Every structure is written in structure tokens, then in C-alpha cells.
Amino acid sequence: MSSSSSTMPIRNPSNRIYWHCNLQCTAYTSHKSHSKGRKFYRCSRNRSEDDCSFFRWCDEVNDLPNDSNSRCAEELAISSLRDELVQIKKLLVIILSLIVVIAVKNLLTS
């Protein structure tokens, strides 16, 4: 067997796993002869330069530290909130800039 995983990830929203890079890991099915049919999780950025190298067999997920999944989910939520805050700040700068432009225009035309 030349491929180590299927091309389509397994979708199981009830068993989300997050790891080092704070992205949800994707579940795949092995096609190697010694582990054919065995499910595993790996980093969603697998084979990219941002890959955190996470790999875990699905039947070993319970071996993860009890708080690692919840901690990673919390870190993911914090990261998402930070991104939203940056977007809000950018919009605020745009709005304030428009207010200044309108105020200056009104001063010049009076």
C-alpha cells in the first residue's frame, strides 16, 4: 500500500481534538498493511511548514492528559477572540478617520 491515509478526512464533530497549533485535528483512515482500517488523528496542517507534527491513533485519544483537549480548546477560543478584537480595532480606526475627514470638510466649507 503506497498511501498512509485516505484522501477524505473522517467527520466526527462530537470528538474534536485540538493540539499544539490550536487547530482541530483531522481524523483519517490508515491504508498501510500493518494498520489497515485503523483511524488516526493528525495535524490539519499535515505536510506543510506549519505542521505541528501531532499524530495520535483514535483508539489512544483517551491516553491524552485530561486537560489537554480542554486547554487547547480554550487557547483556540482566546486566539479567535484576539483576532476579532483586532478586526474591531481596525473598524474603529476607519470610523474615526471618517469622522475626522467629515469634521475637517465641514470646517473648511463653513
Protein backbone atom coordinates (compact mmCIF):
# COMPACT_ATOMS: atom_id res chain seq x y z
CA MET A 1 0.00 0.00 0.00
CA SER A 2 1.54 3.28 -1.05
CA SER A 3 -0.74 5.64 0.84
CA SER A 4 -0.79 6.05 4.59
CA SER A 5 -4.20 7.71 4.75
CA SER A 6 -7.38 8.21 2.85
CA THR A 7 -7.87 11.41 0.92
CA MET A 8 -11.11 12.26 2.71
CA PRO A 9 -10.96 13.02 6.41
CA ILE A 10 -13.44 11.46 8.80
CA ARG A 11 -16.02 13.95 10.04
CA ASN A 12 -16.94 13.45 13.68
CA PRO A 13 -17.91 16.77 15.28
CA SER A 14 -18.63 15.15 18.65
CA ASN A 15 -14.98 14.12 19.12
CA ARG A 16 -12.97 17.22 18.34
CA ILE A 17 -9.27 17.06 19.10
CA TYR A 18 -7.05 20.15 19.25
CA TRP A 19 -3.32 20.10 19.77
CA HIS A 20 -0.16 22.23 19.56
CA CYS A 21 -1.21 24.54 16.72
CA ASN A 22 -4.73 25.12 18.14
CA LEU A 23 -6.40 23.82 15.00
CA GLN A 24 -8.86 20.96 15.09
CA CYS A 25 -7.05 17.75 14.19
CA THR A 26 -8.49 15.74 11.34
CA ALA A 27 -9.23 12.01 11.58
CA TYR A 28 -8.06 9.75 8.76
CA THR A 29 -8.09 6.02 7.99
CA SER A 30 -4.81 4.17 7.54
CA HIS A 31 -4.31 2.11 4.39
CA LYS A 32 -0.92 0.63 5.30
CA SER A 33 -0.96 -3.16 5.52
CA HIS A 34 0.07 -3.33 9.19
CA SER A 35 -2.61 -0.84 10.32
CA LYS A 36 -5.21 -1.06 7.57
CA GLY A 37 -8.54 0.43 8.62
CA ARG A 38 -7.18 1.92 11.84
CA LYS A 39 -8.29 5.51 12.42
CA PHE A 40 -5.85 8.25 13.43
CA TYR A 41 -5.74 11.98 14.09
CA ARG A 42 -3.11 14.27 12.64
CA CYS A 43 -2.49 17.99 12.44
CA SER A 44 -4.75 19.71 9.93
CA ARG A 45 -1.61 21.37 8.52
CA ASN A 46 -0.04 17.98 7.78
CA ARG A 47 2.83 18.12 5.29
CA SER A 48 3.07 21.92 5.39
CA GLU A 49 5.75 24.06 7.01
CA ASP A 50 3.26 24.97 9.78
CA ASP A 51 2.61 21.30 10.67
CA CYS A 52 2.81 20.83 14.46
CA SER A 53 3.53 17.10 13.87
CA PHE A 54 0.62 15.91 16.01
CA PHE A 55 -0.29 12.28 15.36
CA ARG A 56 -2.39 10.00 17.56
CA TRP A 57 -4.31 6.80 16.90
CA CYS A 58 -8.01 7.38 17.57
CA ASP A 59 -8.14 4.47 19.99
CA GLU A 60 -5.34 6.13 22.01
CA VAL A 61 -7.03 9.53 22.35
CA ASN A 62 -8.10 8.67 25.89
CA ASP A 63 -4.39 8.49 26.74
CA LEU A 64 -4.09 12.27 26.29
CA PRO A 65 -3.78 14.27 29.50
CA ASN A 66 -7.28 15.00 30.84
CA ASP A 67 -6.96 18.74 30.46
CA SER A 68 -5.02 18.94 27.18
CA ASN A 69 -8.07 18.96 24.92
CA SER A 70 -9.99 21.48 27.01
CA ARG A 71 -6.87 23.63 27.45
CA CYS A 72 -6.27 23.65 23.70
CA ALA A 73 -9.93 24.46 23.05
CA GLU A 74 -9.65 27.39 25.47
CA GLU A 75 -6.47 28.59 23.74
CA LEU A 76 -8.26 28.34 20.40
CA ALA A 77 -11.16 30.42 21.74
CA ILE A 78 -8.75 33.03 23.12
CA SER A 79 -6.95 33.21 19.79
CA SER A 80 -10.25 33.64 17.97
CA LEU A 81 -11.29 36.43 20.35
CA ARG A 82 -7.95 38.18 19.82
CA ASP A 83 -8.49 38.05 16.06
CA GLU A 84 -11.97 39.52 16.48
CA LEU A 85 -10.59 42.28 18.71
CA VAL A 86 -8.01 43.20 16.05
CA GLN A 87 -10.79 43.42 13.44
CA ILE A 88 -12.90 45.61 15.73
CA LYS A 89 -9.94 47.92 16.33
CA LYS A 90 -9.36 48.23 12.58
CA LEU A 91 -13.02 49.12 12.02
CA LEU A 92 -12.85 51.67 14.84
CA VAL A 93 -9.83 53.35 13.21
CA ILE A 94 -11.71 53.53 9.90
CA ILE A 95 -14.80 55.01 11.55
CA LEU A 96 -12.77 57.58 13.49
CA SER A 97 -10.87 58.51 10.33
CA LEU A 98 -14.14 59.11 8.50
CA ILE A 99 -15.40 61.27 11.37
CA VAL A 100 -12.22 63.37 11.23
CA VAL A 101 -12.48 63.75 7.44
CA ILE A 102 -16.12 64.85 7.70
CA ALA A 103 -15.32 67.29 10.53
CA VAL A 104 -12.42 68.83 8.60
CA LYS A 105 -14.54 69.10 5.46
CA ASN A 106 -17.30 70.85 7.44
CA LEU A 107 -14.76 73.28 8.94
CA LEU A 108 -13.32 74.12 5.53
CA THR A 109 -16.72 74.71 3.94
CA SER A 110 -18.03 76.93 6.76
